[in-house]
Amino acid sequence: MLLKAVTIVCKKAVPHSVIRSFVALALFFIGAVLTVAVNADTLKPFTSDGCSVFPDGTLEEQTLWANCCIKHDLNYWKGGTRAQRLTADLALKQCVATVGKPEIAKLMLAGVRMGGGPYLPTSYRWGYGWDYPRGYRALSMSENQQIKQQLQQLEIMIQLLLSEIQRTHLGNEDTK
């Protein structure tokens, strides 16, 4: 039947070997597409190196804007569209300016705009939580679900760590 269909489309007889090769190739590509669709990218756990290749603060206040960079890293870990990256970068600039360093904020914005794109295989690229290369693209429902689950796990870990710090700190004060 396939032979007849191909023969009608081509308006001449097509050798069986050509048809078999065509069908095998078509099945291969269909299988590859289905494999990619089924094996969606898996989000890696969130990591942050603070301000990456930039200081986390001044010499006097060494972590002055580190929290700004960690928030920025969270957005870069998730990835997404070009517009989302610009929003994340402008939020970093605003955060650093808010702690009293507007000139540093402008410098940092220039740095992340130049070096934070998704096309270099760096640990701080846009969308670094996903396999490289991801590029710019909107997050799917499945990807957003993975982000939500990982953030919930991260929140639980942070709460446990804070409890342990408070317990240890209070225990140390009792021995003073």
C-alpha atoms as a PDB file:
ATOM      1  CA  MET A   1       0.000   0.000   0.000  1.00  0.00           C
ATOM      2  CA  LEU A   2       2.823   2.401   0.879  1.00  0.00           C
ATOM      3  CA  LEU A   3       4.522   1.459  -2.401  1.00  0.00           C
ATOM      4  CA  LYS A   4       1.351   2.420  -4.298  1.00  0.00           C
ATOM      5  CA  ALA A   5       1.061   5.725  -2.418  1.00  0.00           C
ATOM      6  CA  VAL A   6       4.670   6.671  -3.117  1.00  0.00           C
ATOM      7  CA  THR A   7       4.324   5.582  -6.745  1.00  0.00           C
ATOM      8  CA  ILE A   8       1.194   7.728  -7.176  1.00  0.00           C
ATOM      9  CA  VAL A   9       2.872  10.754  -5.570  1.00  0.00           C
ATOM     10  CA  CYS A  10       6.040  10.348  -7.630  1.00  0.00           C
ATOM     11  CA  LYS A  11       4.059   9.380 -10.795  1.00  0.00           C
ATOM     12  CA  LYS A  12       6.578   6.647 -11.545  1.00  0.00           C
ATOM     13  CA  ALA A  13       7.677   3.336 -10.101  1.00  0.00           C
ATOM     14  CA  VAL A  14       9.953   3.644  -7.073  1.00  0.00           C
ATOM     15  CA  PRO A  15      12.271   0.761  -6.159  1.00  0.00           C
ATOM     16  CA  HIS A  16      11.386  -1.097  -2.942  1.00  0.00           C
ATOM     17  CA  SER A  17      14.877  -0.423  -1.515  1.00  0.00           C
ATOM     18  CA  VAL A  18      14.312   3.328  -1.795  1.00  0.00           C
ATOM     19  CA  ILE A  19      10.935   3.071  -0.090  1.00  0.00           C
ATOM     20  CA  ARG A  20      12.373   0.887   2.709  1.00  0.00           C
ATOM     21  CA  SER A  21      15.177   3.399   3.241  1.00  0.00           C
ATOM     22  CA  PHE A  22      12.702   6.283   3.266  1.00  0.00           C
ATOM     23  CA  VAL A  23      10.411   4.519   5.765  1.00  0.00           C
ATOM     24  CA  ALA A  24      13.346   3.592   8.009  1.00  0.00           C
ATOM     25  CA  LEU A  25      14.597   7.172   7.967  1.00  0.00           C
ATOM     26  CA  ALA A  26      11.108   8.550   8.671  1.00  0.00           C
ATOM     27  CA  LEU A  27      10.648   6.142  11.598  1.00  0.00           C
ATOM     28  CA  PHE A  28      14.063   7.118  12.962  1.00  0.00           C
ATOM     29  CA  PHE A  29      13.160  10.822  12.932  1.00  0.00           C
ATOM     30  CA  ILE A  30       9.732  10.188  14.446  1.00  0.00           C
ATOM     31  CA  GLY A  31      11.386   8.157  17.196  1.00  0.00           C
ATOM     32  CA  ALA A  32      13.947  10.890  17.823  1.00  0.00           C
ATOM     33  CA  VAL A  33      11.248  13.556  18.097  1.00  0.00           C
ATOM     34  CA  LEU A  34       9.183  11.413  20.462  1.00  0.00           C
ATOM     35  CA  THR A  35      12.248  10.671  22.595  1.00  0.00           C
ATOM     36  CA  VAL A  36      13.007  14.372  22.977  1.00  0.00           C
ATOM     37  CA  ALA A  37       9.366  15.109  23.834  1.00  0.00           C
ATOM     38  CA  VAL A  38       9.153  12.300  26.394  1.00  0.00           C
ATOM     39  CA  ASN A  39      12.579  12.910  27.956  1.00  0.00           C
ATOM     40  CA  ALA A  40      12.059  16.542  28.870  1.00  0.00           C
ATOM     41  CA  ASP A  41      15.029  18.393  30.283  1.00  0.00           C
ATOM     42  CA  THR A  42      15.541  17.903  34.002  1.00  0.00           C
ATOM     43  CA  LEU A  43      16.274  20.930  36.159  1.00  0.00           C
ATOM     44  CA  LYS A  44      19.480  20.717  38.177  1.00  0.00           C
ATOM     45  CA  PRO A  45      19.415  21.817  41.838  1.00  0.00           C
ATOM     46  CA  PHE A  46      19.810  25.542  42.453  1.00  0.00           C
ATOM     47  CA  THR A  47      23.336  26.767  43.072  1.00  0.00           C
ATOM     48  CA  SER A  48      24.716  30.249  43.542  1.00  0.00           C
ATOM     49  CA  ASP A  49      28.257  31.560  43.588  1.00  0.00           C
ATOM     50  CA  GLY A  50      27.148  34.998  44.701  1.00  0.00           C
ATOM     51  CA  CYS A  51      28.226  37.603  42.164  1.00  0.00           C
ATOM     52  CA  SER A  52      30.161  35.112  39.995  1.00  0.00           C
ATOM     53  CA  VAL A  53      33.201  36.956  38.614  1.00  0.00           C
ATOM     54  CA  PHE A  54      32.384  40.191  40.450  1.00  0.00           C
ATOM     55  CA  PRO A  55      32.935  40.999  44.161  1.00  0.00           C
ATOM     56  CA  ASP A  56      29.975  40.409  46.510  1.00  0.00           C
ATOM     57  CA  GLY A  57      30.526  43.789  48.148  1.00  0.00           C
ATOM     58  CA  THR A  58      33.055  46.456  49.040  1.00  0.00           C
ATOM     59  CA  LEU A  59      36.288  46.008  50.984  1.00  0.00           C
ATOM     60  CA  GLU A  60      34.517  47.397  54.073  1.00  0.00           C
ATOM     61  CA  GLU A  61      31.255  45.489  53.583  1.00  0.00           C
ATOM     62  CA  GLN A  62      32.243  42.319  51.757  1.00  0.00           C
ATOM     63  CA  THR A  63      28.709  40.986  51.248  1.00  0.00           C
ATOM     64  CA  LEU A  64      26.903  44.306  50.720  1.00  0.00           C
ATOM     65  CA  TRP A  65      25.074  43.275  47.524  1.00  0.00           C
ATOM     66  CA  ALA A  66      25.511  39.483  47.711  1.00  0.00           C
ATOM     67  CA  ASN A  67      21.786  39.000  48.339  1.00  0.00           C
ATOM     68  CA  CYS A  68      21.085  40.900  45.086  1.00  0.00           C
ATOM     69  CA  CYS A  69      23.327  38.465  43.204  1.00  0.00           C
ATOM     70  CA  ILE A  70      21.705  35.408  44.787  1.00  0.00           C
ATOM     71  CA  LYS A  71      18.247  36.641  43.719  1.00  0.00           C
ATOM     72  CA  HIS A  72      19.690  37.270  40.254  1.00  0.00           C
ATOM     73  CA  ASP A  73      21.200  33.769  40.205  1.00  0.00           C
ATOM     74  CA  LEU A  74      17.790  32.312  41.024  1.00  0.00           C
ATOM     75  CA  ASN A  75      16.336  33.955  37.925  1.00  0.00           C
ATOM     76  CA  TYR A  76      19.299  32.886  35.790  1.00  0.00           C
ATOM     77  CA  TRP A  77      18.975  29.304  37.069  1.00  0.00           C
ATOM     78  CA  LYS A  78      15.347  29.217  35.872  1.00  0.00           C
ATOM     79  CA  GLY A  79      16.017  30.834  32.497  1.00  0.00           C
ATOM     80  CA  GLY A  80      13.216  31.786  30.120  1.00  0.00           C
ATOM     81  CA  THR A  81      12.734  34.470  27.498  1.00  0.00           C
ATOM     82  CA  ARG A  82      14.899  37.443  26.517  1.00  0.00           C
ATOM     83  CA  ALA A  83      12.410  39.752  28.194  1.00  0.00           C
ATOM     84  CA  GLN A  84      12.628  37.765  31.450  1.00  0.00           C
ATOM     85  CA  ARG A  85      16.419  38.011  31.370  1.00  0.00           C
ATOM     86  CA  LEU A  86      16.275  41.772  30.871  1.00  0.00           C
ATOM     87  CA  THR A  87      13.833  42.046  33.794  1.00  0.00           C
ATOM     88  CA  ALA A  88      16.186  39.982  35.998  1.00  0.00           C
ATOM     89  CA  ASP A  89      19.191  42.094  35.006  1.00  0.00           C
ATOM     90  CA  LEU A  90      17.367  45.374  35.672  1.00  0.00           C
ATOM     91  CA  ALA A  91      16.214  44.018  39.068  1.00  0.00           C
ATOM     92  CA  LEU A  92      19.882  43.296  39.913  1.00  0.00           C
ATOM     93  CA  LYS A  93      20.811  46.853  38.968  1.00  0.00           C
ATOM     94  CA  GLN A  94      17.975  48.271  41.089  1.00  0.00           C
ATOM     95  CA  CYS A  95      18.877  46.076  44.070  1.00  0.00           C
ATOM     96  CA  VAL A  96      22.544  47.119  44.040  1.00  0.00           C
ATOM     97  CA  ALA A  97      21.580  50.776  43.603  1.00  0.00           C
ATOM     98  CA  THR A  98      19.211  50.443  46.570  1.00  0.00           C
ATOM     99  CA  VAL A  99      22.058  49.395  48.876  1.00  0.00           C
ATOM    100  CA  GLY A 100      23.724  52.691  47.979  1.00  0.00           C
ATOM    101  CA  LYS A 101      25.953  51.821  45.047  1.00  0.00           C
ATOM    102  CA  PRO A 102      24.315  53.152  41.851  1.00  0.00           C
ATOM    103  CA  GLU A 103      27.609  53.362  39.925  1.00  0.00           C
ATOM    104  CA  ILE A 104      28.480  49.764  40.809  1.00  0.00           C
ATOM    105  CA  ALA A 105      24.926  48.820  39.774  1.00  0.00           C
ATOM    106  CA  LYS A 106      25.482  50.260  36.285  1.00  0.00           C
ATOM    107  CA  LEU A 107      28.776  48.386  35.977  1.00  0.00           C
ATOM    108  CA  MET A 108      27.158  45.126  37.074  1.00  0.00           C
ATOM    109  CA  LEU A 109      24.307  45.584  34.598  1.00  0.00           C
ATOM    110  CA  ALA A 110      26.808  46.023  31.768  1.00  0.00           C
ATOM    111  CA  GLY A 111      28.640  42.880  32.908  1.00  0.00           C
ATOM    112  CA  VAL A 112      25.609  40.612  33.102  1.00  0.00           C
ATOM    113  CA  ARG A 113      24.230  41.922  29.810  1.00  0.00           C
ATOM    114  CA  MET A 114      27.518  41.116  28.070  1.00  0.00           C
ATOM    115  CA  GLY A 115      28.507  37.885  29.809  1.00  0.00           C
ATOM    116  CA  GLY A 116      25.286  36.287  31.029  1.00  0.00           C
ATOM    117  CA  GLY A 117      23.683  35.198  27.769  1.00  0.00           C
ATOM    118  CA  PRO A 118      22.530  31.607  27.252  1.00  0.00           C
ATOM    119  CA  TYR A 119      24.952  30.756  24.441  1.00  0.00           C
ATOM    120  CA  LEU A 120      28.208  30.376  26.375  1.00  0.00           C
ATOM    121  CA  PRO A 121      28.654  27.148  28.368  1.00  0.00           C
ATOM    122  CA  THR A 122      29.343  28.943  31.657  1.00  0.00           C
ATOM    123  CA  SER A 123      28.069  28.125  35.130  1.00  0.00           C
ATOM    124  CA  TYR A 124      26.394  31.538  35.304  1.00  0.00           C
ATOM    125  CA  ARG A 125      24.672  31.654  31.887  1.00  0.00           C
ATOM    126  CA  TRP A 126      20.957  32.407  31.458  1.00  0.00           C
ATOM    127  CA  GLY A 127      19.119  29.133  32.149  1.00  0.00           C
ATOM    128  CA  TYR A 128      22.090  27.409  33.803  1.00  0.00           C
ATOM    129  CA  GLY A 129      19.772  25.077  35.694  1.00  0.00           C
ATOM    130  CA  TRP A 130      18.954  23.318  32.417  1.00  0.00           C
ATOM    131  CA  ASP A 131      21.172  21.355  30.064  1.00  0.00           C
ATOM    132  CA  TYR A 132      23.273  23.429  27.687  1.00  0.00           C
ATOM    133  CA  PRO A 133      22.353  24.785  25.212  1.00  0.00           C
ATOM    134  CA  ARG A 134      18.889  26.002  26.106  1.00  0.00           C
ATOM    135  CA  GLY A 135      18.824  29.460  24.576  1.00  0.00           C
ATOM    136  CA  TYR A 136      15.917  31.800  25.148  1.00  0.00           C
ATOM    137  CA  ARG A 137      12.511  30.200  25.358  1.00  0.00           C
ATOM    138  CA  ALA A 138       9.477  30.391  27.573  1.00  0.00           C
ATOM    139  CA  LEU A 139       9.285  27.848  30.353  1.00  0.00           C
ATOM    140  CA  SER A 140       6.797  25.043  29.763  1.00  0.00           C
ATOM    141  CA  MET A 141       4.231  23.960  32.345  1.00  0.00           C
ATOM    142  CA  SER A 142       6.386  20.918  33.102  1.00  0.00           C
ATOM    143  CA  GLU A 143       9.474  23.087  33.587  1.00  0.00           C
ATOM    144  CA  ASN A 144       7.584  25.501  35.839  1.00  0.00           C
ATOM    145  CA  GLN A 145       6.426  22.525  37.896  1.00  0.00           C
ATOM    146  CA  GLN A 146      10.034  21.352  38.292  1.00  0.00           C
ATOM    147  CA  ILE A 147      11.045  24.854  39.410  1.00  0.00           C
ATOM    148  CA  LYS A 148       8.207  24.967  41.936  1.00  0.00           C
ATOM    149  CA  GLN A 149       9.146  21.572  43.385  1.00  0.00           C
ATOM    150  CA  GLN A 150      12.826  22.469  43.664  1.00  0.00           C
ATOM    151  CA  LEU A 151      12.034  25.801  45.319  1.00  0.00           C
ATOM    152  CA  GLN A 152       9.800  24.029  47.854  1.00  0.00           C
ATOM    153  CA  GLN A 153      12.636  21.610  48.655  1.00  0.00           C
ATOM    154  CA  LEU A 154      15.067  24.515  48.933  1.00  0.00           C
ATOM    155  CA  GLU A 155      12.717  26.334  51.305  1.00  0.00           C
ATOM    156  CA  ILE A 156      12.511  23.263  53.552  1.00  0.00           C
ATOM    157  CA  MET A 157      16.315  22.971  53.610  1.00  0.00           C
ATOM    158  CA  ILE A 158      16.682  26.660  54.476  1.00  0.00           C
ATOM    159  CA  GLN A 159      14.168  26.366  57.309  1.00  0.00           C
ATOM    160  CA  LEU A 160      15.994  23.332  58.700  1.00  0.00           C
ATOM    161  CA  LEU A 161      19.338  25.129  58.481  1.00  0.00           C
ATOM    162  CA  LEU A 162      17.938  28.222  60.203  1.00  0.00           C
ATOM    163  CA  SER A 163      16.508  26.055  62.980  1.00  0.00           C
ATOM    164  CA  GLU A 164      19.881  24.366  63.431  1.00  0.00           C
ATOM    165  CA  ILE A 165      21.690  27.726  63.484  1.00  0.00           C
ATOM    166  CA  GLN A 166      19.274  29.098  66.074  1.00  0.00           C
ATOM    167  CA  ARG A 167      19.567  25.934  68.182  1.00  0.00           C
ATOM    168  CA  THR A 168      23.363  26.012  67.995  1.00  0.00           C
ATOM    169  CA  HIS A 169      23.521  29.759  68.651  1.00  0.00           C
ATOM    170  CA  LEU A 170      21.187  29.534  71.630  1.00  0.00           C
ATOM    171  CA  GLY A 171      23.152  26.539  72.922  1.00  0.00           C
ATOM    172  CA  ASN A 172      26.374  28.590  72.726  1.00  0.00           C
ATOM    173  CA  GLU A 173      24.792  31.502  74.632  1.00  0.00           C
ATOM    174  CA  ASP A 174      23.757  29.178  77.439  1.00  0.00           C
ATOM    175  CA  THR A 175      27.370  28.174  78.019  1.00  0.00           C
ATOM    176  CA  LYS A 176      28.620  31.792  78.309  1.00  0.00           C
END
